[in-house]
Amino acid sequence: MRAVVAVVALVAILASPQGLGAFLPGDAGPVSAPSPAGPAPPSPHLFSPRAGDAHTRSGPGSLLLVEVFYYALRDDEYVVLANPGEGGVDLAGLRITDREGTLEFPAGSSLATGARAVVARNATSYFEDTLEAAEYTYGAGNGTAMLIVSRIPQLNNDGDEVLLLNGTGTIL
């Protein structure tokens, strides 16, 4: 019982805008603004391509590899594809590779105009970290399973590449 009371009191003290001074007798002095906790974490969506931007190709069948998260503490590496074009893109047969492992989009895969698709190594970890569902996975979790062509890609934190290939192996 004493432990519960102590925890409740500690939470009340920490939750108070004045901190411990709110519970001490006398004037604790002016409350200063809390110091910043540091820079805000970067957005998980650093680049949102739109048709017509100077750095995108516009037109039917446009497809961009817009984000790569390789430095993962867990097995939640992921890449994001975007379609800034004016029409949908058939992803079936396209491949993602780091030149050591290769994945292929299964039949029926597509990306609508203006849409993004996350390809996560572990869709469960991706969801726990971002609260967003991955559309495709090549490991655990819910999402359309990618076909493993040769080994499972594992991005190197010290330098690696991610390539998007068509069915004949040409870099897109």
N, C-alpha and C. Protein backbone atom coordinates (compact mmCIF):
# COMPACT_ATOMS: atom_id res chain seq x y z
N MET A 1 0.83 -1.19 0.00
CA MET A 1 0.00 0.00 0.00
C MET A 1 0.87 1.25 0.00
N ARG A 2 1.94 1.24 0.81
CA ARG A 2 2.82 2.40 0.87
C ARG A 2 3.48 2.65 -0.48
N ALA A 3 3.81 1.57 -1.18
CA ALA A 3 4.44 1.72 -2.49
C ALA A 3 3.49 2.40 -3.47
N VAL A 4 2.21 2.05 -3.41
CA VAL A 4 1.22 2.66 -4.30
C VAL A 4 1.09 4.14 -3.99
N VAL A 5 1.03 4.50 -2.71
CA VAL A 5 0.93 5.90 -2.31
C VAL A 5 2.17 6.67 -2.78
N ALA A 6 3.34 6.07 -2.63
CA ALA A 6 4.58 6.73 -3.04
C ALA A 6 4.60 6.96 -4.54
N VAL A 7 4.15 5.98 -5.31
CA VAL A 7 4.12 6.13 -6.77
C VAL A 7 3.13 7.21 -7.17
N VAL A 8 1.94 7.23 -6.55
CA VAL A 8 0.94 8.25 -6.86
C VAL A 8 1.48 9.64 -6.52
N ALA A 9 2.14 9.78 -5.38
CA ALA A 9 2.70 11.07 -4.99
C ALA A 9 3.79 11.50 -5.97
N LEU A 10 4.63 10.59 -6.38
CA LEU A 10 5.70 10.91 -7.32
C LEU A 10 5.13 11.35 -8.66
N VAL A 11 4.11 10.65 -9.14
CA VAL A 11 3.47 11.03 -10.39
C VAL A 11 2.84 12.41 -10.27
N ALA A 12 2.19 12.70 -9.15
CA ALA A 12 1.57 14.02 -8.94
C ALA A 12 2.62 15.12 -8.94
N ILE A 13 3.75 14.86 -8.32
CA ILE A 13 4.83 15.87 -8.28
C ILE A 13 5.38 16.11 -9.67
N LEU A 14 5.65 15.04 -10.39
CA LEU A 14 6.23 15.19 -11.72
C LEU A 14 5.25 15.78 -12.72
N ALA A 15 3.96 15.52 -12.53
CA ALA A 15 2.95 16.02 -13.46
C ALA A 15 2.62 17.48 -13.22
N SER A 16 2.92 17.99 -12.04
CA SER A 16 2.61 19.38 -11.72
C SER A 16 3.48 20.32 -12.54
N PRO A 17 2.90 21.39 -13.11
CA PRO A 17 3.71 22.33 -13.88
C PRO A 17 4.79 23.00 -13.04
N GLN A 18 4.59 23.08 -11.73
CA GLN A 18 5.59 23.73 -10.88
C GLN A 18 6.57 22.72 -10.29
N GLY A 19 6.39 21.46 -10.58
CA GLY A 19 7.29 20.43 -10.07
C GLY A 19 7.20 20.33 -8.56
N LEU A 20 8.30 20.08 -7.91
CA LEU A 20 8.36 19.90 -6.46
C LEU A 20 7.99 21.18 -5.71
N GLY A 21 8.22 22.35 -6.31
CA GLY A 21 7.93 23.62 -5.66
C GLY A 21 6.46 23.80 -5.33
N ALA A 22 5.58 23.11 -6.03
CA ALA A 22 4.15 23.22 -5.77
C ALA A 22 3.78 22.59 -4.43
N PHE A 23 4.62 21.72 -3.89
CA PHE A 23 4.31 21.01 -2.67
C PHE A 23 5.13 21.49 -1.48
N LEU A 24 6.01 22.45 -1.67
CA LEU A 24 6.83 22.96 -0.58
C LEU A 24 6.17 24.19 0.04
N PRO A 25 6.33 24.41 1.35
CA PRO A 25 5.74 25.60 1.96
C PRO A 25 6.49 26.85 1.50
N GLY A 26 5.77 27.97 1.48
CA GLY A 26 6.38 29.24 1.11
C GLY A 26 6.41 29.41 -0.40
N ASP A 27 7.04 30.52 -0.80
CA ASP A 27 7.12 30.85 -2.22
C ASP A 27 8.33 30.14 -2.83
N ALA A 28 8.08 29.31 -3.78
CA ALA A 28 9.16 28.58 -4.45
C ALA A 28 9.80 29.44 -5.53
N GLY A 29 9.29 30.64 -5.73
CA GLY A 29 9.85 31.51 -6.76
C GLY A 29 9.13 31.31 -8.08
N PRO A 30 9.51 32.13 -9.05
CA PRO A 30 8.84 32.02 -10.35
C PRO A 30 9.20 30.70 -11.04
N VAL A 31 8.24 30.23 -11.76
CA VAL A 31 8.44 29.00 -12.52
C VAL A 31 9.04 29.38 -13.86
N SER A 32 10.19 28.84 -14.16
CA SER A 32 10.82 29.14 -15.45
C SER A 32 10.31 28.15 -16.49
N ALA A 33 10.44 28.56 -17.72
CA ALA A 33 10.02 27.69 -18.81
C ALA A 33 10.92 26.46 -18.85
N PRO A 34 10.36 25.32 -19.11
CA PRO A 34 11.20 24.12 -19.17
C PRO A 34 12.18 24.22 -20.32
N SER A 35 13.35 23.68 -20.10
CA SER A 35 14.35 23.71 -21.16
C SER A 35 13.96 22.73 -22.25
N PRO A 36 14.30 23.03 -23.48
CA PRO A 36 13.93 22.12 -24.56
C PRO A 36 14.65 20.79 -24.39
N ALA A 37 13.99 19.74 -24.79
CA ALA A 37 14.54 18.39 -24.64
C ALA A 37 15.52 18.06 -25.76
N GLY A 38 15.75 18.97 -26.66
CA GLY A 38 16.63 18.70 -27.79
C GLY A 38 15.87 18.90 -29.08
N PRO A 39 16.53 18.66 -30.17
CA PRO A 39 15.86 18.86 -31.45
C PRO A 39 14.73 17.86 -31.64
N ALA A 40 13.72 18.29 -32.34
CA ALA A 40 12.60 17.40 -32.62
C ALA A 40 13.08 16.26 -33.52
N PRO A 41 12.57 15.05 -33.31
CA PRO A 41 12.99 13.95 -34.16
C PRO A 41 12.54 14.19 -35.60
N PRO A 42 13.29 13.70 -36.56
CA PRO A 42 12.90 13.91 -37.94
C PRO A 42 11.63 13.16 -38.27
N SER A 43 10.89 13.71 -39.18
CA SER A 43 9.67 13.06 -39.63
C SER A 43 10.03 11.77 -40.35
N PRO A 44 9.23 10.71 -40.17
CA PRO A 44 9.52 9.50 -40.93
C PRO A 44 9.24 9.67 -42.41
N HIS A 45 8.59 10.77 -42.78
CA HIS A 45 8.29 11.04 -44.18
C HIS A 45 8.99 12.33 -44.59
N LEU A 46 10.26 12.20 -44.95
CA LEU A 46 11.06 13.37 -45.25
C LEU A 46 10.81 13.92 -46.64
N PHE A 47 10.25 13.13 -47.51
CA PHE A 47 10.08 13.54 -48.89
C PHE A 47 8.72 13.09 -49.37
N SER A 48 7.90 14.00 -49.77
CA SER A 48 6.59 13.66 -50.28
C SER A 48 6.48 14.16 -51.71
N PRO A 49 6.85 13.33 -52.68
CA PRO A 49 6.84 13.79 -54.06
C PRO A 49 5.42 14.06 -54.54
N ARG A 50 5.32 15.05 -55.39
CA ARG A 50 4.04 15.38 -56.02
C ARG A 50 4.29 15.56 -57.50
N ALA A 51 3.32 15.21 -58.29
CA ALA A 51 3.45 15.41 -59.72
C ALA A 51 3.70 16.89 -59.98
N GLY A 52 4.64 17.19 -60.85
CA GLY A 52 4.94 18.57 -61.19
C GLY A 52 6.11 19.15 -60.42
N ASP A 53 6.57 18.50 -59.33
CA ASP A 53 7.75 18.99 -58.62
C ASP A 53 8.94 18.92 -59.56
N ALA A 54 9.90 19.79 -59.35
CA ALA A 54 11.06 19.86 -60.23
C ALA A 54 11.89 18.58 -60.20
N HIS A 55 11.84 17.85 -59.10
CA HIS A 55 12.69 16.67 -58.97
C HIS A 55 11.97 15.36 -59.28
N THR A 56 10.78 15.42 -59.83
CA THR A 56 10.06 14.20 -60.17
C THR A 56 9.76 14.17 -61.65
N ARG A 57 9.62 12.95 -62.15
CA ARG A 57 9.16 12.78 -63.52
C ARG A 57 7.65 12.64 -63.45
N SER A 58 6.96 13.36 -64.24
CA SER A 58 5.51 13.28 -64.24
C SER A 58 5.07 12.54 -65.49
N GLY A 59 4.00 11.84 -65.38
CA GLY A 59 3.48 11.11 -66.52
C GLY A 59 3.03 9.74 -66.06
N PRO A 60 2.42 9.00 -66.98
CA PRO A 60 1.96 7.68 -66.60
C PRO A 60 3.14 6.78 -66.26
N GLY A 61 2.97 5.98 -65.23
CA GLY A 61 4.00 5.01 -64.88
C GLY A 61 5.18 5.55 -64.12
N SER A 62 5.09 6.72 -63.51
CA SER A 62 6.21 7.25 -62.72
C SER A 62 6.30 6.49 -61.41
N LEU A 63 7.52 6.14 -61.01
CA LEU A 63 7.72 5.43 -59.77
C LEU A 63 9.05 5.88 -59.18
N LEU A 64 9.03 6.26 -57.90
CA LEU A 64 10.24 6.74 -57.23
C LEU A 64 10.49 5.95 -55.97
N LEU A 65 11.75 5.71 -55.69
CA LEU A 65 12.19 5.16 -54.41
C LEU A 65 12.49 6.38 -53.55
N VAL A 66 11.61 6.70 -52.59
CA VAL A 66 11.69 7.99 -51.90
C VAL A 66 12.25 7.95 -50.50
N GLU A 67 12.33 6.76 -49.90
CA GLU A 67 12.82 6.70 -48.53
C GLU A 67 13.44 5.33 -48.27
N VAL A 68 14.57 5.35 -47.57
CA VAL A 68 15.23 4.11 -47.17
C VAL A 68 15.60 4.25 -45.70
N PHE A 69 15.11 3.34 -44.87
CA PHE A 69 15.45 3.33 -43.45
C PHE A 69 16.31 2.10 -43.23
N TYR A 70 17.61 2.31 -43.10
CA TYR A 70 18.54 1.19 -43.03
C TYR A 70 19.16 1.02 -41.65
N TYR A 71 19.24 2.06 -40.86
CA TYR A 71 19.93 2.00 -39.57
C TYR A 71 18.93 1.65 -38.48
N ALA A 72 18.53 0.40 -38.46
CA ALA A 72 17.47 -0.05 -37.56
C ALA A 72 18.05 -0.76 -36.34
N LEU A 73 17.50 -0.44 -35.18
CA LEU A 73 17.91 -1.14 -33.97
C LEU A 73 17.30 -2.54 -33.91
N ARG A 74 16.14 -2.66 -34.50
CA ARG A 74 15.47 -3.96 -34.58
C ARG A 74 15.46 -4.36 -36.05
N ASP A 75 14.65 -5.34 -36.39
CA ASP A 75 14.58 -5.78 -37.79
C ASP A 75 13.49 -5.03 -38.55
N ASP A 76 13.46 -3.71 -38.38
CA ASP A 76 12.41 -2.92 -39.03
C ASP A 76 12.95 -2.00 -40.12
N GLU A 77 13.91 -2.50 -40.90
CA GLU A 77 14.35 -1.77 -42.08
C GLU A 77 13.16 -1.64 -43.03
N TYR A 78 13.13 -0.57 -43.81
CA TYR A 78 12.07 -0.44 -44.80
C TYR A 78 12.48 0.52 -45.90
N VAL A 79 11.78 0.40 -47.02
CA VAL A 79 11.91 1.35 -48.12
C VAL A 79 10.51 1.80 -48.49
N VAL A 80 10.42 2.99 -49.06
CA VAL A 80 9.12 3.54 -49.46
C VAL A 80 9.18 3.90 -50.94
N LEU A 81 8.20 3.43 -51.68
CA LEU A 81 8.03 3.78 -53.08
C LEU A 81 6.88 4.76 -53.19
N ALA A 82 6.95 5.67 -54.16
CA ALA A 82 5.87 6.62 -54.38
C ALA A 82 5.57 6.72 -55.87
N ASN A 83 4.32 7.00 -56.17
CA ASN A 83 3.89 7.20 -57.55
C ASN A 83 3.39 8.64 -57.71
N PRO A 84 4.26 9.56 -58.15
CA PRO A 84 3.84 10.94 -58.34
C PRO A 84 3.20 11.18 -59.70
N GLY A 85 3.10 10.14 -60.49
CA GLY A 85 2.62 10.27 -61.87
C GLY A 85 1.12 10.45 -61.97
N GLU A 86 0.66 10.39 -63.20
CA GLU A 86 -0.74 10.65 -63.50
C GLU A 86 -1.56 9.38 -63.66
N GLY A 87 -0.94 8.23 -63.51
CA GLY A 87 -1.66 6.97 -63.64
C GLY A 87 -1.10 5.95 -62.68
N GLY A 88 -1.83 4.87 -62.50
CA GLY A 88 -1.38 3.80 -61.62
C GLY A 88 -0.16 3.08 -62.20
N VAL A 89 0.58 2.40 -61.33
CA VAL A 89 1.78 1.67 -61.73
C VAL A 89 1.60 0.20 -61.34
N ASP A 90 1.85 -0.69 -62.29
CA ASP A 90 1.83 -2.12 -62.03
C ASP A 90 3.18 -2.50 -61.43
N LEU A 91 3.18 -2.96 -60.19
CA LEU A 91 4.42 -3.32 -59.50
C LEU A 91 4.80 -4.78 -59.71
N ALA A 92 3.88 -5.61 -60.18
CA ALA A 92 4.14 -7.04 -60.32
C ALA A 92 5.39 -7.28 -61.15
N GLY A 93 6.31 -8.06 -60.60
CA GLY A 93 7.54 -8.39 -61.31
C GLY A 93 8.69 -7.43 -61.07
N LEU A 94 8.41 -6.23 -60.53
CA LEU A 94 9.50 -5.30 -60.22
C LEU A 94 10.26 -5.84 -59.01
N ARG A 95 11.53 -5.49 -58.95
CA ARG A 95 12.38 -6.03 -57.89
C ARG A 95 13.07 -4.92 -57.11
N ILE A 96 13.30 -5.20 -55.84
CA ILE A 96 14.10 -4.34 -54.97
C ILE A 96 15.30 -5.16 -54.53
N THR A 97 16.50 -4.58 -54.67
CA THR A 97 17.70 -5.32 -54.33
C THR A 97 18.74 -4.43 -53.67
N ASP A 98 19.60 -5.05 -52.87
CA ASP A 98 20.79 -4.37 -52.35
C ASP A 98 22.03 -5.03 -52.94
N ARG A 99 21.84 -5.75 -54.02
CA ARG A 99 22.86 -6.50 -54.77
C ARG A 99 23.35 -7.74 -54.02
N GLU A 100 22.82 -7.99 -52.84
CA GLU A 100 23.13 -9.23 -52.13
C GLU A 100 21.86 -10.06 -51.95
N GLY A 101 20.74 -9.40 -51.78
CA GLY A 101 19.45 -10.05 -51.67
C GLY A 101 18.47 -9.34 -52.58
N THR A 102 17.49 -10.08 -53.08
CA THR A 102 16.54 -9.50 -54.03
C THR A 102 15.12 -9.92 -53.69
N LEU A 103 14.22 -8.96 -53.73
CA LEU A 103 12.79 -9.18 -53.51
C LEU A 103 12.04 -8.87 -54.78
N GLU A 104 10.89 -9.51 -54.96
CA GLU A 104 10.06 -9.23 -56.14
C GLU A 104 8.62 -9.01 -55.69
N PHE A 105 7.97 -8.01 -56.30
CA PHE A 105 6.56 -7.77 -56.01
C PHE A 105 5.73 -8.90 -56.62
N PRO A 106 4.78 -9.43 -55.87
CA PRO A 106 3.96 -10.53 -56.39
C PRO A 106 2.93 -10.05 -57.41
N ALA A 107 2.35 -10.99 -58.13
CA ALA A 107 1.31 -10.69 -59.11
C ALA A 107 0.17 -9.93 -58.42
N GLY A 108 -0.40 -8.99 -59.13
CA GLY A 108 -1.51 -8.21 -58.60
C GLY A 108 -1.09 -6.98 -57.81
N SER A 109 0.20 -6.74 -57.66
CA SER A 109 0.69 -5.58 -56.91
C SER A 109 0.63 -4.34 -57.79
N SER A 110 0.13 -3.24 -57.23
CA SER A 110 0.06 -1.99 -57.98
C SER A 110 0.13 -0.82 -57.01
N LEU A 111 0.37 0.36 -57.58
CA LEU A 111 0.46 1.58 -56.78
C LEU A 111 -0.34 2.66 -57.49
N ALA A 112 -1.37 3.16 -56.84
CA ALA A 112 -2.26 4.15 -57.42
C ALA A 112 -1.58 5.51 -57.54
N THR A 113 -2.14 6.38 -58.33
CA THR A 113 -1.64 7.74 -58.51
C THR A 113 -1.56 8.45 -57.16
N GLY A 114 -0.42 9.05 -56.87
CA GLY A 114 -0.22 9.80 -55.63
C GLY A 114 -0.01 8.95 -54.39
N ALA A 115 0.00 7.64 -54.54
CA ALA A 115 0.11 6.74 -53.38
C ALA A 115 1.57 6.42 -53.06
N ARG A 116 1.76 5.95 -51.84
CA ARG A 116 3.06 5.49 -51.36
C ARG A 116 2.88 4.05 -50.90
N ALA A 117 3.95 3.26 -51.00
CA ALA A 117 3.91 1.88 -50.51
C ALA A 117 5.16 1.62 -49.69
N VAL A 118 4.96 1.11 -48.49
CA VAL A 118 6.07 0.77 -47.60
C VAL A 118 6.36 -0.72 -47.76
N VAL A 119 7.64 -1.03 -47.99
CA VAL A 119 8.11 -2.41 -48.04
C VAL A 119 8.99 -2.59 -46.81
N ALA A 120 8.50 -3.31 -45.82
CA ALA A 120 9.19 -3.44 -44.53
C ALA A 120 9.73 -4.85 -44.34
N ARG A 121 10.90 -4.92 -43.74
CA ARG A 121 11.46 -6.24 -43.39
C ARG A 121 10.55 -6.91 -42.37
N ASN A 122 10.10 -6.17 -41.37
CA ASN A 122 9.21 -6.70 -40.35
C ASN A 122 8.06 -5.71 -40.19
N ALA A 123 6.92 -6.04 -40.76
CA ALA A 123 5.77 -5.12 -40.74
C ALA A 123 5.26 -4.88 -39.33
N THR A 124 5.42 -5.85 -38.44
CA THR A 124 4.99 -5.67 -37.05
C THR A 124 5.85 -4.62 -36.36
N SER A 125 7.17 -4.71 -36.49
CA SER A 125 8.07 -3.71 -35.90
C SER A 125 7.82 -2.34 -36.51
N TYR A 126 7.60 -2.29 -37.83
CA TYR A 126 7.33 -1.02 -38.50
C TYR A 126 6.07 -0.38 -37.91
N PHE A 127 5.03 -1.17 -37.71
CA PHE A 127 3.80 -0.63 -37.14
C PHE A 127 4.02 -0.13 -35.71
N GLU A 128 4.75 -0.90 -34.90
CA GLU A 128 5.01 -0.50 -33.52
C GLU A 128 5.79 0.81 -33.45
N ASP A 129 6.68 1.05 -34.41
CA ASP A 129 7.50 2.26 -34.41
C ASP A 129 6.81 3.47 -35.04
N THR A 130 5.92 3.25 -36.00
CA THR A 130 5.33 4.37 -36.74
C THR A 130 3.82 4.49 -36.60
N LEU A 131 3.18 3.46 -36.10
CA LEU A 131 1.71 3.37 -36.02
C LEU A 131 1.07 3.44 -37.40
N GLU A 132 1.81 3.01 -38.41
CA GLU A 132 1.30 2.91 -39.77
C GLU A 132 1.53 1.48 -40.26
N ALA A 133 0.64 1.00 -41.09
CA ALA A 133 0.78 -0.36 -41.61
C ALA A 133 1.63 -0.36 -42.87
N ALA A 134 2.51 -1.34 -42.98
CA ALA A 134 3.30 -1.52 -44.20
C ALA A 134 2.46 -2.29 -45.21
N GLU A 135 2.54 -1.87 -46.46
CA GLU A 135 1.77 -2.55 -47.50
C GLU A 135 2.39 -3.90 -47.87
N TYR A 136 3.71 -3.98 -47.82
CA TYR A 136 4.43 -5.20 -48.20
C TYR A 136 5.43 -5.56 -47.12
N THR A 137 5.71 -6.86 -46.98
CA THR A 137 6.68 -7.30 -46.00
C THR A 137 7.52 -8.44 -46.57
N TYR A 138 8.75 -8.54 -46.10
CA TYR A 138 9.58 -9.69 -46.46
C TYR A 138 10.11 -10.36 -45.20
N GLY A 139 9.27 -10.31 -44.18
CA GLY A 139 9.58 -10.95 -42.90
C GLY A 139 8.28 -11.15 -42.16
N ALA A 140 8.28 -10.83 -40.89
CA ALA A 140 7.11 -11.01 -40.04
C ALA A 140 6.09 -9.90 -40.24
N GLY A 141 4.87 -10.17 -39.83
CA GLY A 141 3.85 -9.14 -39.79
C GLY A 141 2.84 -9.24 -40.91
N ASN A 142 1.83 -8.37 -40.79
CA ASN A 142 0.77 -8.32 -41.78
C ASN A 142 1.18 -7.41 -42.92
N GLY A 143 0.89 -7.83 -44.09
CA GLY A 143 1.22 -7.10 -45.30
C GLY A 143 1.36 -8.13 -46.41
N THR A 144 1.27 -7.68 -47.63
CA THR A 144 1.44 -8.59 -48.75
C THR A 144 2.88 -9.09 -48.76
N ALA A 145 3.05 -10.39 -48.81
CA ALA A 145 4.40 -10.97 -48.76
C ALA A 145 5.13 -10.76 -50.08
N MET A 146 6.34 -10.24 -49.98
CA MET A 146 7.21 -10.10 -51.14
C MET A 146 7.80 -11.47 -51.46
N LEU A 147 8.11 -11.70 -52.73
CA LEU A 147 8.76 -12.94 -53.14
C LEU A 147 10.26 -12.77 -52.96
N ILE A 148 10.90 -13.73 -52.34
CA ILE A 148 12.35 -13.67 -52.14
C ILE A 148 13.00 -14.38 -53.32
N VAL A 149 13.69 -13.61 -54.16
CA VAL A 149 14.33 -14.15 -55.35
C VAL A 149 15.68 -14.76 -55.00
N SER A 150 16.49 -14.02 -54.27
CA SER A 150 17.79 -14.53 -53.82
C SER A 150 18.13 -13.86 -52.50
N ARG A 151 18.24 -14.62 -51.46
CA ARG A 151 18.54 -14.13 -50.12
C ARG A 151 17.64 -12.97 -49.71
N ILE A 152 17.54 -12.75 -48.42
CA ILE A 152 16.77 -11.63 -47.89
C ILE A 152 17.69 -10.42 -47.79
N PRO A 153 17.32 -9.29 -48.39
CA PRO A 153 18.17 -8.10 -48.27
C PRO A 153 18.33 -7.68 -46.81
N GLN A 154 19.54 -7.32 -46.45
CA GLN A 154 19.82 -6.77 -45.13
C GLN A 154 20.74 -5.59 -45.35
N LEU A 155 20.21 -4.39 -45.12
CA LEU A 155 20.95 -3.18 -45.44
C LEU A 155 22.07 -2.94 -44.45
N ASN A 156 23.24 -2.66 -44.96
CA ASN A 156 24.43 -2.41 -44.16
C ASN A 156 24.39 -0.98 -43.65
N ASN A 157 24.62 -0.76 -42.38
CA ASN A 157 24.57 0.58 -41.79
C ASN A 157 25.74 1.45 -42.20
N ASP A 158 26.81 0.86 -42.71
CA ASP A 158 28.00 1.62 -43.08
C ASP A 158 28.08 1.94 -44.56
N GLY A 159 27.14 1.52 -45.35
CA GLY A 159 27.17 1.80 -46.77
C GLY A 159 26.55 0.65 -47.55
N ASP A 160 25.56 0.94 -48.29
CA ASP A 160 24.86 -0.07 -49.08
C ASP A 160 24.07 0.67 -50.13
N GLU A 161 23.41 -0.06 -51.01
CA GLU A 161 22.55 0.57 -51.99
C GLU A 161 21.23 -0.15 -52.02
N VAL A 162 20.23 0.55 -52.50
CA VAL A 162 18.92 -0.04 -52.74
C VAL A 162 18.55 0.34 -54.16
N LEU A 163 18.28 -0.67 -54.96
CA LEU A 163 17.96 -0.45 -56.36
C LEU A 163 16.58 -0.98 -56.67
N LEU A 164 15.89 -0.29 -57.57
CA LEU A 164 14.59 -0.72 -58.06
C LEU A 164 14.82 -1.19 -59.49
N LEU A 165 14.49 -2.45 -59.77
CA LEU A 165 14.75 -3.06 -61.07
C LEU A 165 13.46 -3.50 -61.72
N ASN A 166 13.46 -3.50 -63.07
CA ASN A 166 12.33 -4.10 -63.76
C ASN A 166 12.56 -5.60 -63.86
N GLY A 167 11.68 -6.32 -64.52
CA GLY A 167 11.77 -7.77 -64.59
C GLY A 167 13.00 -8.29 -65.31
N THR A 168 13.63 -7.47 -66.15
CA THR A 168 14.83 -7.90 -66.87
C THR A 168 16.11 -7.49 -66.16
N GLY A 169 15.99 -6.82 -65.01
CA GLY A 169 17.17 -6.43 -64.24
C GLY A 169 17.68 -5.03 -64.54
N THR A 170 16.97 -4.27 -65.35
CA THR A 170 17.37 -2.90 -65.66
C THR A 170 16.98 -1.98 -64.50
N ILE A 171 17.90 -1.12 -64.09
CA ILE A 171 17.63 -0.17 -63.01
C ILE A 171 16.62 0.86 -63.48
N LEU A 172 15.58 1.06 -62.70
CA LEU A 172 14.57 2.07 -63.04
C LEU A 172 14.96 3.42 -62.48
